């Protein structure tokens, strides 16, 4: 069984993407685009609602309980690449 690092910081980016910093120091971007079309996540289409995401225990969560499995959050994210200045 794999131990999945916990997210410790979060920032909402454009186009339903989320920047995450994990306890192992990794900085990654998670794309919620494919999720928002599913019934469980339909409220996330509202940008204001989407922006109110928080780190809760070992994952991220919105007000009405929408969340992402910790292993998906970590392993389906891509390494964060900063834009050149």
PDB file of N, CA and C in Angstrom:
ATOM      1  N   UNK A   1       0.836  -1.179   0.000  1.00  0.00           N
ATOM      2  CA  UNK A   1       0.000   0.000   0.000  1.00  0.00           C
ATOM      3  C   UNK A   1       0.886   1.249   0.000  1.00  0.00           C
ATOM      4  N   UNK A   2       0.524   2.218  -0.828  1.00  0.00           N
ATOM      5  CA  UNK A   2       1.280   3.447  -0.939  1.00  0.00           C
ATOM      6  C   UNK A   2       0.756   4.490   0.045  1.00  0.00           C
ATOM      7  N   UNK A   3       1.675   5.249   0.585  1.00  0.00           N
ATOM      8  CA  UNK A   3       1.287   6.377   1.426  1.00  0.00           C
ATOM      9  C   UNK A   3       1.269   7.602   0.530  1.00  0.00           C
ATOM     10  N   UNK A   4       0.138   8.271   0.490  1.00  0.00           N
ATOM     11  CA  UNK A   4      -0.024   9.436  -0.365  1.00  0.00           C
ATOM     12  C   UNK A   4       0.268  10.692   0.447  1.00  0.00           C
ATOM     13  N   UNK A   5       1.197  11.534  -0.017  1.00  0.00           N
ATOM     14  CA  UNK A   5       1.478  12.779   0.706  1.00  0.00           C
ATOM     15  C   UNK A   5       0.232  13.665   0.802  1.00  0.00           C
ATOM     16  N   UNK A   6       0.101  14.339   1.923  1.00  0.00           N
ATOM     17  CA  UNK A   6      -1.046  15.216   2.145  1.00  0.00           C
ATOM     18  C   UNK A   6      -0.791  16.592   1.541  1.00  0.00           C
ATOM     19  N   UNK A   7      -1.851  17.216   1.007  1.00  0.00           N
ATOM     20  CA  UNK A   7      -1.695  18.605   0.565  1.00  0.00           C
ATOM     21  C   UNK A   7      -1.614  19.508   1.806  1.00  0.00           C
ATOM     22  N   UNK A   8      -0.765  20.549   1.712  1.00  0.00           N
ATOM     23  CA  UNK A   8      -0.638  21.473   2.840  1.00  0.00           C
ATOM     24  C   UNK A   8      -0.966  22.913   2.442  1.00  0.00           C
ATOM     25  N   UNK A   9      -0.942  23.200   1.146  1.00  0.00           N
ATOM     26  CA  UNK A   9      -1.311  24.526   0.647  1.00  0.00           C
ATOM     27  C   UNK A   9      -2.093  24.354  -0.642  1.00  0.00           C
ATOM     28  N   UNK A  10      -2.941  25.345  -0.934  1.00  0.00           N
ATOM     29  CA  UNK A  10      -3.777  25.271  -2.130  1.00  0.00           C
ATOM     30  C   UNK A  10      -4.032  26.676  -2.658  1.00  0.00           C
ATOM     31  N   UNK A  11      -4.061  26.810  -3.979  1.00  0.00           N
ATOM     32  CA  UNK A  11      -4.446  28.060  -4.630  1.00  0.00           C
ATOM     33  C   UNK A  11      -5.235  27.707  -5.880  1.00  0.00           C
ATOM     34  N   UNK A  12      -6.300  28.442  -6.113  1.00  0.00           N
ATOM     35  CA  UNK A  12      -7.112  28.225  -7.308  1.00  0.00           C
ATOM     36  C   UNK A  12      -6.480  28.982  -8.472  1.00  0.00           C
ATOM     37  N   UNK A  13      -6.345  28.293  -9.592  1.00  0.00           N
ATOM     38  CA  UNK A  13      -5.798  28.888 -10.811  1.00  0.00           C
ATOM     39  C   UNK A  13      -6.912  29.056 -11.833  1.00  0.00           C
ATOM     40  N   UNK A  14      -6.570  29.485 -13.027  1.00  0.00           N
ATOM     41  CA  UNK A  14      -7.551  29.628 -14.101  1.00  0.00           C
ATOM     42  C   UNK A  14      -7.950  28.266 -14.656  1.00  0.00           C
ATOM     43  N   UNK A  15      -9.068  28.263 -15.380  1.00  0.00           N
ATOM     44  CA  UNK A  15      -9.528  27.079 -16.120  1.00  0.00           C
ATOM     45  C   UNK A  15      -9.703  25.828 -15.261  1.00  0.00           C
ATOM     46  N   UNK A  16     -10.256  26.003 -14.073  1.00  0.00           N
ATOM     47  CA  UNK A  16     -10.549  24.888 -13.165  1.00  0.00           C
ATOM     48  C   UNK A  16      -9.312  24.087 -12.762  1.00  0.00           C
ATOM     49  N   UNK A  17      -8.200  24.780 -12.679  1.00  0.00           N
ATOM     50  CA  UNK A  17      -6.972  24.137 -12.215  1.00  0.00           C
ATOM     51  C   UNK A  17      -6.680  24.603 -10.792  1.00  0.00           C
ATOM     52  N   UNK A  18      -6.006  23.731 -10.061  1.00  0.00           N
ATOM     53  CA  UNK A  18      -5.670  24.015  -8.667  1.00  0.00           C
ATOM     54  C   UNK A  18      -4.193  23.729  -8.459  1.00  0.00           C
ATOM     55  N   UNK A  19      -3.492  24.706  -7.866  1.00  0.00           N
ATOM     56  CA  UNK A  19      -2.101  24.512  -7.474  1.00  0.00           C
ATOM     57  C   UNK A  19      -2.094  23.927  -6.072  1.00  0.00           C
ATOM     58  N   UNK A  20      -1.251  22.919  -5.877  1.00  0.00           N
ATOM     59  CA  UNK A  20      -1.151  22.269  -4.575  1.00  0.00           C
ATOM     60  C   UNK A  20       0.306  22.104  -4.175  1.00  0.00           C
ATOM     61  N   UNK A  21       0.567  22.319  -2.903  1.00  0.00           N
ATOM     62  CA  UNK A  21       1.867  21.965  -2.341  1.00  0.00           C
ATOM     63  C   UNK A  21       1.605  20.838  -1.369  1.00  0.00           C
ATOM     64  N   UNK A  22       2.379  19.769  -1.509  1.00  0.00           N
ATOM     65  CA  UNK A  22       2.208  18.584  -0.671  1.00  0.00           C
ATOM     66  C   UNK A  22       3.284  18.535   0.408  1.00  0.00           C
ATOM     67  N   UNK A  23       3.023  17.740   1.430  1.00  0.00           N
ATOM     68  CA  UNK A  23       3.938  17.646   2.564  1.00  0.00           C
ATOM     69  C   UNK A  23       5.326  17.127   2.178  1.00  0.00           C
ATOM     70  N   UNK A  24       5.454  16.486   1.021  1.00  0.00           N
ATOM     71  CA  UNK A  24       6.764  16.015   0.564  1.00  0.00           C
ATOM     72  C   UNK A  24       7.521  17.094  -0.210  1.00  0.00           C
ATOM     73  N   UNK A  25       6.950  18.306  -0.281  1.00  0.00           N
ATOM     74  CA  UNK A  25       7.596  19.418  -0.965  1.00  0.00           C
ATOM     75  C   UNK A  25       7.201  19.568  -2.430  1.00  0.00           C
ATOM     76  N   UNK A  26       6.518  18.574  -2.976  1.00  0.00           N
ATOM     77  CA  UNK A  26       6.085  18.635  -4.375  1.00  0.00           C
ATOM     78  C   UNK A  26       5.074  19.759  -4.574  1.00  0.00           C
ATOM     79  N   UNK A  27       5.206  20.475  -5.675  1.00  0.00           N
ATOM     80  CA  UNK A  27       4.215  21.464  -6.087  1.00  0.00           C
ATOM     81  C   UNK A  27       3.623  20.953  -7.385  1.00  0.00           C
ATOM     82  N   UNK A  28       2.307  20.800  -7.408  1.00  0.00           N
ATOM     83  CA  UNK A  28       1.640  20.198  -8.560  1.00  0.00           C
ATOM     84  C   UNK A  28       0.395  20.987  -8.934  1.00  0.00           C
ATOM     85  N   UNK A  29      -0.071  20.726 -10.142  1.00  0.00           N
ATOM     86  CA  UNK A  29      -1.313  21.316 -10.632  1.00  0.00           C
ATOM     87  C   UNK A  29      -2.301  20.192 -10.897  1.00  0.00           C
ATOM     88  N   UNK A  30      -3.503  20.350 -10.355  1.00  0.00           N
ATOM     89  CA  UNK A  30      -4.565  19.368 -10.569  1.00  0.00           C
ATOM     90  C   UNK A  30      -5.654  20.020 -11.408  1.00  0.00           C
ATOM     91  N   UNK A  31      -6.058  19.353 -12.467  1.00  0.00           N
ATOM     92  CA  UNK A  31      -7.074  19.868 -13.385  1.00  0.00           C
ATOM     93  C   UNK A  31      -8.432  19.266 -13.051  1.00  0.00           C
ATOM     94  N   UNK A  32      -9.354  20.118 -12.627  1.00  0.00           N
ATOM     95  CA  UNK A  32     -10.706  19.673 -12.269  1.00  0.00           C
ATOM     96  C   UNK A  32     -11.661  19.679 -13.459  1.00  0.00           C
ATOM     97  N   UNK A  33     -11.204  20.081 -14.627  1.00  0.00           N
ATOM     98  CA  UNK A  33     -12.069  20.212 -15.809  1.00  0.00           C
ATOM     99  C   UNK A  33     -12.891  18.952 -16.084  1.00  0.00           C
ATOM    100  N   UNK A  34     -12.278  17.795 -16.036  1.00  0.00           N
ATOM    101  CA  UNK A  34     -13.010  16.562 -16.348  1.00  0.00           C
ATOM    102  C   UNK A  34     -14.024  16.186 -15.254  1.00  0.00           C
ATOM    103  N   UNK A  35     -13.848  16.720 -14.064  1.00  0.00           N
ATOM    104  CA  UNK A  35     -14.749  16.413 -12.953  1.00  0.00           C
ATOM    105  C   UNK A  35     -16.019  17.252 -12.957  1.00  0.00           C
ATOM    106  N   UNK A  36     -15.910  18.521 -13.350  1.00  0.00           N
ATOM    107  CA  UNK A  36     -17.047  19.446 -13.194  1.00  0.00           C
ATOM    108  C   UNK A  36     -18.251  19.077 -14.045  1.00  0.00           C
ATOM    109  N   UNK A  37     -18.074  18.184 -14.996  1.00  0.00           N
ATOM    110  CA  UNK A  37     -19.187  17.769 -15.840  1.00  0.00           C
ATOM    111  C   UNK A  37     -19.958  16.590 -15.238  1.00  0.00           C
ATOM    112  N   UNK A  38     -19.463  16.064 -14.147  1.00  0.00           N
ATOM    113  CA  UNK A  38     -20.146  14.962 -13.460  1.00  0.00           C
ATOM    114  C   UNK A  38     -21.149  15.548 -12.465  1.00  0.00           C
ATOM    115  N   UNK A  39     -22.240  14.853 -12.272  1.00  0.00           N
ATOM    116  CA  UNK A  39     -23.325  15.357 -11.428  1.00  0.00           C
ATOM    117  C   UNK A  39     -22.854  15.746 -10.018  1.00  0.00           C
ATOM    118  N   UNK A  40     -22.018  14.926  -9.417  1.00  0.00           N
ATOM    119  CA  UNK A  40     -21.549  15.189  -8.051  1.00  0.00           C
ATOM    120  C   UNK A  40     -20.832  16.529  -7.934  1.00  0.00           C
ATOM    121  N   UNK A  41     -20.186  16.973  -9.009  1.00  0.00           N
ATOM    122  CA  UNK A  41     -19.377  18.185  -8.990  1.00  0.00           C
ATOM    123  C   UNK A  41     -20.034  19.370  -9.698  1.00  0.00           C
ATOM    124  N   UNK A  42     -21.304  19.291 -10.044  1.00  0.00           N
ATOM    125  CA  UNK A  42     -21.938  20.320 -10.871  1.00  0.00           C
ATOM    126  C   UNK A  42     -21.853  21.726 -10.276  1.00  0.00           C
ATOM    127  N   UNK A  43     -21.831  21.865  -8.967  1.00  0.00           N
ATOM    128  CA  UNK A  43     -21.752  23.191  -8.336  1.00  0.00           C
ATOM    129  C   UNK A  43     -20.412  23.872  -8.593  1.00  0.00           C
ATOM    130  N   UNK A  44     -19.395  23.081  -8.919  1.00  0.00           N
ATOM    131  CA  UNK A  44     -18.068  23.645  -9.134  1.00  0.00           C
ATOM    132  C   UNK A  44     -17.989  24.489 -10.397  1.00  0.00           C
ATOM    133  N   UNK A  45     -18.987  24.394 -11.264  1.00  0.00           N
ATOM    134  CA  UNK A  45     -19.010  25.234 -12.464  1.00  0.00           C
ATOM    135  C   UNK A  45     -19.129  26.707 -12.096  1.00  0.00           C
ATOM    136  N   UNK A  46     -19.720  26.985 -10.931  1.00  0.00           N
ATOM    137  CA  UNK A  46     -19.822  28.351 -10.423  1.00  0.00           C
ATOM    138  C   UNK A  46     -18.439  28.744  -9.889  1.00  0.00           C
ATOM    139  N   UNK A  47     -17.815  29.693 -10.543  1.00  0.00           N
ATOM    140  CA  UNK A  47     -16.432  30.072 -10.213  1.00  0.00           C
ATOM    141  C   UNK A  47     -16.276  30.485  -8.745  1.00  0.00           C
ATOM    142  N   UNK A  48     -17.226  31.233  -8.232  1.00  0.00           N
ATOM    143  CA  UNK A  48     -17.153  31.682  -6.835  1.00  0.00           C
ATOM    144  C   UNK A  48     -17.178  30.472  -5.886  1.00  0.00           C
ATOM    145  N   UNK A  49     -18.044  29.509  -6.172  1.00  0.00           N
ATOM    146  CA  UNK A  49     -18.118  28.290  -5.369  1.00  0.00           C
ATOM    147  C   UNK A  49     -16.813  27.502  -5.501  1.00  0.00           C
ATOM    148  N   UNK A  50     -16.317  27.388  -6.726  1.00  0.00           N
ATOM    149  CA  UNK A  50     -15.083  26.648  -6.999  1.00  0.00           C
ATOM    150  C   UNK A  50     -13.905  27.214  -6.202  1.00  0.00           C
ATOM    151  N   UNK A  51     -13.848  28.519  -6.096  1.00  0.00           N
ATOM    152  CA  UNK A  51     -12.728  29.176  -5.424  1.00  0.00           C
ATOM    153  C   UNK A  51     -12.713  28.945  -3.914  1.00  0.00           C
ATOM    154  N   UNK A  52     -13.787  28.455  -3.348  1.00  0.00           N
ATOM    155  CA  UNK A  52     -13.853  28.227  -1.901  1.00  0.00           C
ATOM    156  C   UNK A  52     -13.466  26.809  -1.506  1.00  0.00           C
ATOM    157  N   UNK A  53     -12.456  26.305  -2.131  1.00  0.00           N
ATOM    158  CA  UNK A  53     -11.936  24.971  -1.821  1.00  0.00           C
ATOM    159  C   UNK A  53     -10.926  25.093  -0.677  1.00  0.00           C
ATOM    160  N   UNK A  54     -10.862  24.062   0.137  1.00  0.00           N
ATOM    161  CA  UNK A  54      -9.953  24.057   1.284  1.00  0.00           C
ATOM    162  C   UNK A  54      -9.268  22.696   1.399  1.00  0.00           C
ATOM    163  N   UNK A  55      -8.117  22.704   2.042  1.00  0.00           N
ATOM    164  CA  UNK A  55      -7.459  21.445   2.400  1.00  0.00           C
ATOM    165  C   UNK A  55      -8.171  20.910   3.629  1.00  0.00           C
ATOM    166  N   UNK A  56      -8.624  19.666   3.541  1.00  0.00           N
ATOM    167  CA  UNK A  56      -9.282  19.001   4.665  1.00  0.00           C
ATOM    168  C   UNK A  56      -8.641  17.623   4.821  1.00  0.00           C
ATOM    169  N   UNK A  57      -7.985  17.441   5.947  1.00  0.00           N
ATOM    170  CA  UNK A  57      -7.269  16.199   6.249  1.00  0.00           C
ATOM    171  C   UNK A  57      -6.278  15.859   5.145  1.00  0.00           C
ATOM    172  N   UNK A  58      -6.537  14.815   4.346  1.00  0.00           N
ATOM    173  CA  UNK A  58      -5.557  14.386   3.349  1.00  0.00           C
ATOM    174  C   UNK A  58      -5.990  14.676   1.910  1.00  0.00           C
ATOM    175  N   UNK A  59      -6.953  15.610   1.740  1.00  0.00           N
ATOM    176  CA  UNK A  59      -7.415  15.940   0.398  1.00  0.00           C
ATOM    177  C   UNK A  59      -7.909  17.387   0.361  1.00  0.00           C
ATOM    178  N   UNK A  60      -8.665  17.733  -0.678  1.00  0.00           N
ATOM    179  CA  UNK A  60      -9.290  19.047  -0.779  1.00  0.00           C
ATOM    180  C   UNK A  60     -10.799  18.862  -0.781  1.00  0.00           C
ATOM    181  N   UNK A  61     -11.515  19.904  -0.351  1.00  0.00           N
ATOM    182  CA  UNK A  61     -12.963  19.750  -0.228  1.00  0.00           C
ATOM    183  C   UNK A  61     -13.650  21.110  -0.377  1.00  0.00           C
ATOM    184  N   UNK A  62     -14.870  21.040  -0.915  1.00  0.00           N
ATOM    185  CA  UNK A  62     -15.722  22.217  -1.043  1.00  0.00           C
ATOM    186  C   UNK A  62     -16.827  22.160   0.011  1.00  0.00           C
ATOM    187  N   UNK A  63     -17.547  23.255   0.127  1.00  0.00           N
ATOM    188  CA  UNK A  63     -18.550  23.453   1.179  1.00  0.00           C
ATOM    189  C   UNK A  63     -19.549  22.308   1.328  1.00  0.00           C
ATOM    190  N   UNK A  64     -20.082  21.815   0.209  1.00  0.00           N
ATOM    191  CA  UNK A  64     -21.113  20.778   0.285  1.00  0.00           C
ATOM    192  C   UNK A  64     -20.563  19.355   0.207  1.00  0.00           C
ATOM    193  N   UNK A  65     -19.263  19.204   0.470  1.00  0.00           N
ATOM    194  CA  UNK A  65     -18.683  17.869   0.572  1.00  0.00           C
ATOM    195  C   UNK A  65     -18.012  17.329  -0.674  1.00  0.00           C
ATOM    196  N   UNK A  66     -18.028  18.078  -1.769  1.00  0.00           N
ATOM    197  CA  UNK A  66     -17.329  17.607  -2.959  1.00  0.00           C
ATOM    198  C   UNK A  66     -15.837  17.519  -2.628  1.00  0.00           C
ATOM    199  N   UNK A  67     -15.242  16.398  -2.984  1.00  0.00           N
ATOM    200  CA  UNK A  67     -13.823  16.209  -2.726  1.00  0.00           C
ATOM    201  C   UNK A  67     -13.213  15.336  -3.814  1.00  0.00           C
ATOM    202  N   UNK A  68     -11.925  15.096  -3.693  1.00  0.00           N
ATOM    203  CA  UNK A  68     -11.199  14.271  -4.658  1.00  0.00           C
ATOM    204  C   UNK A  68     -10.430  13.227  -3.852  1.00  0.00           C
ATOM    205  N   UNK A  69     -10.438  11.993  -4.309  1.00  0.00           N
ATOM    206  CA  UNK A  69      -9.691  10.938  -3.619  1.00  0.00           C
ATOM    207  C   UNK A  69      -8.219  11.348  -3.519  1.00  0.00           C
ATOM    208  N   UNK A  70      -7.615  11.199  -2.345  1.00  0.00           N
ATOM    209  CA  UNK A  70      -6.227  11.645  -2.153  1.00  0.00           C
ATOM    210  C   UNK A  70      -5.251  11.079  -3.185  1.00  0.00           C
ATOM    211  N   UNK A  71      -5.420   9.816  -3.552  1.00  0.00           N
ATOM    212  CA  UNK A  71      -4.497   9.224  -4.529  1.00  0.00           C
ATOM    213  C   UNK A  71      -4.677   9.850  -5.914  1.00  0.00           C
ATOM    214  N   UNK A  72      -5.909  10.194  -6.278  1.00  0.00           N
ATOM    215  CA  UNK A  72      -6.134  10.885  -7.555  1.00  0.00           C
ATOM    216  C   UNK A  72      -5.541  12.285  -7.510  1.00  0.00           C
ATOM    217  N   UNK A  73      -5.748  12.954  -6.407  1.00  0.00           N
ATOM    218  CA  UNK A  73      -5.250  14.313  -6.246  1.00  0.00           C
ATOM    219  C   UNK A  73      -3.733  14.359  -6.428  1.00  0.00           C
ATOM    220  N   UNK A  74      -3.027  13.405  -5.871  1.00  0.00           N
ATOM    221  CA  UNK A  74      -1.566  13.397  -5.950  1.00  0.00           C
ATOM    222  C   UNK A  74      -1.055  12.820  -7.274  1.00  0.00           C
ATOM    223  N   UNK A  75      -1.532  11.644  -7.642  1.00  0.00           N
ATOM    224  CA  UNK A  75      -0.965  10.966  -8.802  1.00  0.00           C
ATOM    225  C   UNK A  75      -1.499  11.467 -10.148  1.00  0.00           C
ATOM    226  N   UNK A  76      -2.659  12.098 -10.162  1.00  0.00           N
ATOM    227  CA  UNK A  76      -3.191  12.646 -11.415  1.00  0.00           C
ATOM    228  C   UNK A  76      -2.815  14.113 -11.614  1.00  0.00           C
ATOM    229  N   UNK A  77      -2.058  14.661 -10.687  1.00  0.00           N
ATOM    230  CA  UNK A  77      -1.560  16.027 -10.826  1.00  0.00           C
ATOM    231  C   UNK A  77      -0.276  16.000 -11.637  1.00  0.00           C
ATOM    232  N   UNK A  78       0.040  17.170 -12.203  1.00  0.00           N
ATOM    233  CA  UNK A  78       1.293  17.292 -12.953  1.00  0.00           C
ATOM    234  C   UNK A  78       2.194  18.278 -12.221  1.00  0.00           C
ATOM    235  N   UNK A  79       3.479  18.104 -12.410  1.00  0.00           N
ATOM    236  CA  UNK A  79       4.438  18.987 -11.760  1.00  0.00           C
ATOM    237  C   UNK A  79       4.138  20.431 -12.144  1.00  0.00           C
ATOM    238  N   UNK A  80       4.114  21.302 -11.154  1.00  0.00           N
ATOM    239  CA  UNK A  80       3.821  22.714 -11.378  1.00  0.00           C
ATOM    240  C   UNK A  80       4.991  23.371 -12.080  1.00  0.00           C
ATOM    241  N   UNK A  81       4.709  24.014 -13.187  1.00  0.00           N
ATOM    242  CA  UNK A  81       5.721  24.744 -13.931  1.00  0.00           C
ATOM    243  C   UNK A  81       5.384  26.225 -13.865  1.00  0.00           C
ATOM    244  N   UNK A  82       6.289  26.990 -13.276  1.00  0.00           N
ATOM    245  CA  UNK A  82       6.061  28.422 -13.200  1.00  0.00           C
ATOM    246  C   UNK A  82       6.236  29.045 -14.571  1.00  0.00           C
ATOM    247  N   UNK A  83       5.432  30.070 -14.821  1.00  0.00           N
ATOM    248  CA  UNK A  83       5.558  30.798 -16.081  1.00  0.00           C
ATOM    249  C   UNK A  83       6.847  31.621 -16.041  1.00  0.00           C
ATOM    250  N   UNK A  84       7.540  31.695 -17.181  1.00  0.00           N
ATOM    251  CA  UNK A  84       8.732  32.541 -17.224  1.00  0.00           C
ATOM    252  C   UNK A  84       8.360  34.010 -17.018  1.00  0.00           C
ATOM    253  N   UNK A  85       9.239  34.767 -16.373  1.00  0.00           N
ATOM    254  CA  UNK A  85       8.981  36.198 -16.124  1.00  0.00           C
ATOM    255  C   UNK A  85       9.130  37.015 -17.390  1.00  0.00           C
TER     256      UNK A  85
END
